[in-house]
Amino acid sequence: MIVQSTSEKLLVEKQGHVAVVTMNNPPANTWTEESLKALKKLVLELNEDKDIYSLVLTGQGEKFFSAGADLNLFAEGNMGVARNMSRYFGEAFETLSEFRGVSIAAINGFAMGGGLEVALACDIRIVEEQSQMALPEAKVGLLPCAGGTQNLSWLVGEGWAKRMILVGERVNAAKALEIGLVEEVVEKGEALTKAVEMAQKVAEQSPTSVAACKKLIQMGRSGPIAAALSPERELFADLFHSEDQKEGVQAFLQKRKPEWKNC
């Protein structure tokens, strides 16, 4: 299956079982209606591509991962535009969050507003040491509308979420690692390489198992732990309908690498 982006503002390259997606809207890789719709469509198509196990998202250039929305869109105070753009942001980033494989944000510079929110929608975040991150919407009379208030609180706790959103604090890479906003800090220029290396490791796992595990992990966001225990057992048993389960066990017993079929 050949997967291509419908927008030049969003580039995609397949590297084995990894799809590398690059935000390409210089100078700050801001999001537009076109690129948000393209992201949603792209992720849905990647979900159907059995050869893709993971997705890496990064920004074109050396200064910005993404500065989020172009504020010129909201300069006239048009409520219709605001409602439409908030829906496009929400649909795109929620679709990314529900990607069946592993998504990794390679943060290679400033990640502001919607630029940080798209990273929050990913499973894992790797950030370069010079990067800065913030949700500064309240400084211009707005608020994070693409999952930022919820995803940030889930990752860093209510206190730091309030510092970043209500007080407007910007954090550097070291502080982001300390508070749990990101999983790893690397040198300048190394985020994409590290993210792809990590994404390639996903191919060592059964893609059907990964999809089930991710679903269970994220269930904890919407309910108590106990509510996910029964589905956990059910999904474990359901894996025995998959070719990957049979292949994984046989490969281990035969002391060879498994050949996943993603089914």
Protein backbone atom coordinates (compact mmCIF):
# COMPACT_ATOMS: atom_id res chain seq x y z
CA MET A 1 0.00 0.00 0.00
CA ILE A 2 1.42 3.41 -1.02
CA VAL A 3 0.68 6.17 1.49
CA GLN A 4 1.11 9.81 0.48
CA SER A 5 0.19 13.08 2.12
CA THR A 6 -2.49 15.21 0.49
CA SER A 7 -0.62 18.39 1.45
CA GLU A 8 2.86 19.71 0.66
CA LYS A 9 2.81 21.08 4.20
CA LEU A 10 3.00 17.51 5.48
CA LEU A 11 5.67 15.21 4.04
CA VAL A 12 5.77 11.44 4.55
CA GLU A 13 8.58 8.97 3.96
CA LYS A 14 8.48 5.24 4.63
CA GLN A 15 11.61 3.71 6.15
CA GLY A 16 10.92 0.02 6.47
CA HIS A 17 8.13 -0.34 9.01
CA VAL A 18 8.41 3.33 10.04
CA ALA A 19 6.52 6.28 8.57
CA VAL A 20 8.44 9.55 9.05
CA VAL A 21 6.06 12.52 8.87
CA THR A 22 7.53 16.03 8.61
CA MET A 23 5.64 19.26 9.23
CA ASN A 24 6.73 21.45 6.34
CA ASN A 25 5.28 24.95 6.56
CA PRO A 26 8.17 27.40 7.01
CA PRO A 27 9.22 29.40 8.80
CA ALA A 28 7.50 28.02 11.93
CA ASN A 29 5.71 24.88 10.68
CA THR A 30 2.33 26.30 11.67
CA TRP A 31 -0.82 24.24 11.19
CA THR A 32 -3.45 25.14 8.62
CA GLU A 33 -6.85 23.72 7.71
CA GLU A 34 -5.15 21.95 4.82
CA SER A 35 -2.40 20.33 6.86
CA LEU A 36 -4.70 19.33 9.73
CA LYS A 37 -7.07 17.57 7.35
CA ALA A 38 -4.07 15.96 5.65
CA LEU A 39 -2.75 14.67 9.00
CA LYS A 40 -6.07 13.05 9.86
CA LYS A 41 -6.31 11.40 6.43
CA LEU A 42 -2.69 10.27 6.54
CA VAL A 43 -2.98 8.60 9.95
CA LEU A 44 -6.17 6.81 8.92
CA GLU A 45 -4.38 5.48 5.84
CA LEU A 46 -1.35 4.43 7.89
CA ASN A 47 -3.70 2.49 10.15
CA GLU A 48 -4.66 0.42 7.10
CA ASP A 49 -1.06 -0.11 5.95
CA LYS A 50 -0.03 -3.45 7.46
CA ASP A 51 3.65 -2.70 6.77
CA ILE A 52 3.69 0.34 9.07
CA TYR A 53 4.24 -0.36 12.77
CA SER A 54 5.30 3.10 13.96
CA LEU A 55 5.15 6.79 13.10
CA VAL A 56 7.73 9.51 13.75
CA LEU A 57 6.65 13.16 13.63
CA THR A 58 9.16 16.01 13.31
CA GLY A 59 9.48 19.56 11.98
CA GLN A 60 11.33 20.85 8.92
CA GLY A 61 14.30 23.09 9.70
CA GLU A 62 16.41 23.66 12.79
CA LYS A 63 14.49 26.26 14.81
CA PHE A 64 10.88 25.07 15.01
CA PHE A 65 9.19 21.75 15.64
CA SER A 66 5.93 23.67 15.29
CA ALA A 67 4.60 27.01 16.52
CA GLY A 68 1.01 25.73 16.39
CA ALA A 69 -1.74 27.76 14.74
CA ASP A 70 -1.14 30.87 12.65
CA LEU A 71 -2.73 33.62 14.78
CA ASN A 72 -3.62 35.56 11.65
CA LEU A 73 -6.51 33.10 11.36
CA PHE A 74 -8.07 34.53 14.52
CA ALA A 75 -7.18 38.21 14.10
CA GLU A 76 -10.71 39.23 13.04
CA GLY A 77 -12.39 37.42 15.94
CA ASN A 78 -14.56 35.32 13.63
CA MET A 79 -16.34 32.72 15.77
CA GLY A 80 -17.15 30.52 12.78
CA VAL A 81 -13.48 30.28 11.87
CA ALA A 82 -12.65 29.53 15.50
CA ARG A 83 -15.17 26.70 15.72
CA ASN A 84 -14.04 25.16 12.45
CA MET A 85 -10.33 25.35 13.26
CA SER A 86 -10.81 23.93 16.76
CA ARG A 87 -12.67 21.01 15.20
CA TYR A 88 -9.92 20.43 12.61
CA PHE A 89 -7.26 20.53 15.34
CA GLY A 90 -9.22 18.18 17.58
CA GLU A 91 -10.04 15.65 14.89
CA ALA A 92 -6.47 15.56 13.58
CA PHE A 93 -4.72 15.18 16.92
CA GLU A 94 -7.28 12.74 18.34
CA THR A 95 -6.81 10.59 15.24
CA LEU A 96 -3.06 10.71 15.81
CA SER A 97 -3.52 9.72 19.45
CA GLU A 98 -5.57 6.72 18.31
CA PHE A 99 -3.00 5.56 15.73
CA ARG A 100 -2.83 1.78 16.17
CA GLY A 101 0.98 1.71 16.23
CA VAL A 102 3.58 3.64 18.22
CA SER A 103 3.87 7.39 17.55
CA ILE A 104 7.03 9.27 18.49
CA ALA A 105 7.50 13.05 18.40
CA ALA A 106 11.03 14.13 17.47
CA ILE A 107 10.97 17.66 18.88
CA ASN A 108 13.73 19.56 17.10
CA GLY A 109 13.05 23.11 18.28
CA PHE A 110 10.29 25.35 19.59
CA ALA A 111 7.04 23.46 20.27
CA MET A 112 4.41 26.08 21.07
CA GLY A 113 0.63 25.89 21.41
CA GLY A 114 -0.70 23.44 18.84
CA GLY A 115 2.90 22.47 18.15
CA LEU A 116 3.18 21.09 21.66
CA GLU A 117 -0.33 19.66 21.53
CA VAL A 118 0.53 17.48 18.53
CA ALA A 119 3.55 16.16 20.44
CA LEU A 120 1.29 15.47 23.43
CA ALA A 121 -0.91 13.39 21.13
CA CYS A 122 2.04 11.10 20.41
CA ASP A 123 2.96 8.12 22.59
CA ILE A 124 6.58 9.16 23.20
CA ARG A 125 8.47 12.45 22.99
CA ILE A 126 12.20 12.86 22.27
CA VAL A 127 13.45 16.42 22.49
CA GLU A 128 16.65 18.21 21.48
CA GLU A 129 18.52 20.05 24.21
CA GLN A 130 17.91 23.54 22.76
CA SER A 131 14.15 23.12 22.48
CA GLN A 132 11.54 25.17 24.31
CA MET A 133 7.94 24.09 25.00
CA ALA A 134 4.86 26.05 26.05
CA LEU A 135 1.08 26.35 25.83
CA PRO A 136 0.86 30.17 25.70
CA GLU A 137 -2.68 30.53 24.33
CA ALA A 138 -3.99 32.43 27.36
CA LYS A 139 -1.44 35.19 26.66
CA VAL A 140 -3.47 36.09 23.56
CA GLY A 141 -6.92 35.46 25.01
CA LEU A 142 -7.26 31.89 23.76
CA LEU A 143 -6.87 28.39 25.23
CA PRO A 144 -5.41 25.06 24.10
CA CYS A 145 -8.22 23.46 22.06
CA ALA A 146 -6.57 20.29 20.73
CA GLY A 147 -6.27 18.19 23.87
CA GLY A 148 -3.65 20.31 25.59
CA THR A 149 -5.46 20.85 28.89
CA GLN A 150 -6.14 17.12 29.23
CA ASN A 151 -3.02 15.49 27.79
CA LEU A 152 -0.59 17.82 29.55
CA SER A 153 -2.30 17.26 32.90
CA TRP A 154 -2.16 13.50 32.37
CA LEU A 155 1.58 13.59 31.68
CA VAL A 156 2.92 16.12 34.16
CA GLY A 157 0.19 16.38 36.81
CA GLU A 158 -2.20 19.19 37.62
CA GLY A 159 0.37 21.47 39.24
CA TRP A 160 2.75 21.74 36.29
CA ALA A 161 -0.13 21.81 33.83
CA LYS A 162 -1.45 24.87 35.65
CA ARG A 163 1.99 26.49 35.71
CA MET A 164 2.35 26.06 31.95
CA ILE A 165 -1.23 26.93 30.97
CA LEU A 166 -2.46 29.35 33.64
CA VAL A 167 0.83 31.05 34.49
CA GLY A 168 2.26 30.72 30.99
CA GLU A 169 5.57 29.12 31.95
CA ARG A 170 7.81 27.97 29.15
CA VAL A 171 10.00 24.93 29.87
CA ASN A 172 13.32 23.91 28.40
CA ALA A 173 14.34 20.36 27.54
CA ALA A 174 15.90 19.61 30.93
CA LYS A 175 12.82 20.77 32.85
CA ALA A 176 10.54 18.91 30.44
CA LEU A 177 12.41 15.69 31.20
CA GLU A 178 12.31 16.37 34.94
CA ILE A 179 8.53 16.84 35.04
CA GLY A 180 7.73 13.93 32.71
CA LEU A 181 6.70 15.96 29.67
CA VAL A 182 9.27 14.17 27.50
CA GLU A 183 10.96 10.77 27.74
CA GLU A 184 14.46 11.62 26.51
CA VAL A 185 16.71 14.60 25.77
CA VAL A 186 19.30 14.41 22.97
CA GLU A 187 21.84 16.77 21.43
CA LYS A 188 20.86 19.31 18.79
CA GLY A 189 20.16 17.65 15.47
CA GLU A 190 19.76 14.16 16.94
CA ALA A 191 16.02 13.92 17.73
CA LEU A 192 14.95 12.45 14.41
CA THR A 193 17.75 9.89 14.35
CA LYS A 194 16.98 8.77 17.89
CA ALA A 195 13.24 8.67 17.23
CA VAL A 196 13.67 6.53 14.10
CA GLU A 197 16.00 4.17 15.98
CA MET A 198 13.37 3.78 18.69
CA ALA A 199 10.59 3.36 16.12
CA GLN A 200 12.56 0.61 14.39
CA LYS A 201 12.68 -1.32 17.66
CA VAL A 202 8.89 -1.50 17.54
CA ALA A 203 9.29 -3.99 14.68
CA GLU A 204 10.69 -6.47 17.22
CA GLN A 205 7.27 -6.50 18.86
CA SER A 206 4.12 -8.08 17.49
CA PRO A 207 2.14 -5.21 15.90
CA THR A 208 -1.13 -6.84 16.93
CA SER A 209 0.09 -7.07 20.52
CA VAL A 210 1.29 -3.45 20.45
CA ALA A 211 -2.10 -2.23 19.24
CA ALA A 212 -3.90 -4.13 22.01
CA CYS A 213 -1.46 -2.97 24.69
CA LYS A 214 -1.73 0.67 23.61
CA LYS A 215 -5.51 0.49 23.74
CA LEU A 216 -5.39 -0.86 27.30
CA ILE A 217 -2.81 1.66 28.52
CA GLN A 218 -4.87 4.57 27.23
CA MET A 219 -8.05 3.20 28.82
CA GLY A 220 -6.61 4.37 32.13
CA ARG A 221 -7.19 7.97 31.10
CA SER A 222 -10.96 7.63 31.00
CA GLY A 223 -11.73 5.36 33.93
CA PRO A 224 -10.45 3.56 37.03
CA ILE A 225 -7.75 0.91 36.74
CA ALA A 226 -10.20 -1.82 37.72
CA ALA A 227 -12.35 -1.05 34.68
CA ALA A 228 -9.52 -2.08 32.35
CA LEU A 229 -8.60 -5.37 34.05
CA SER A 230 -11.36 -7.44 32.49
CA PRO A 231 -10.74 -6.04 28.95
CA GLU A 232 -7.03 -6.77 29.50
CA ARG A 233 -7.78 -10.47 29.98
CA GLU A 234 -10.20 -10.48 27.05
CA LEU A 235 -7.72 -8.88 24.67
CA PHE A 236 -5.04 -11.34 25.81
CA ALA A 237 -7.27 -14.24 24.80
CA ASP A 238 -8.27 -12.49 21.55
CA LEU A 239 -4.62 -12.44 20.46
CA PHE A 240 -4.83 -16.20 20.05
CA HIS A 241 -6.93 -15.57 16.94
CA SER A 242 -3.95 -13.76 15.37
CA GLU A 243 -1.20 -15.10 13.14
CA ASP A 244 1.30 -12.97 15.06
CA GLN A 245 0.61 -14.81 18.31
CA LYS A 246 1.36 -18.17 16.73
CA GLU A 247 4.42 -16.80 14.94
CA GLY A 248 5.78 -15.11 18.07
CA VAL A 249 5.64 -18.23 20.24
CA GLN A 250 6.98 -20.52 17.52
CA ALA A 251 9.85 -18.15 16.72
CA PHE A 252 10.85 -18.02 20.39
CA LEU A 253 10.77 -21.80 20.75
CA GLN A 254 12.70 -22.22 17.51
CA LYS A 255 15.25 -19.56 18.56
CA ARG A 256 14.74 -17.36 15.48
CA LYS A 257 13.47 -13.85 14.76
CA PRO A 258 9.71 -13.65 14.22
CA GLU A 259 8.27 -12.60 10.88
CA TRP A 260 5.25 -10.50 11.77
CA LYS A 261 2.19 -10.40 9.52
CA ASN A 262 0.27 -7.74 11.48
CA CYS A 263 -2.83 -9.86 11.53
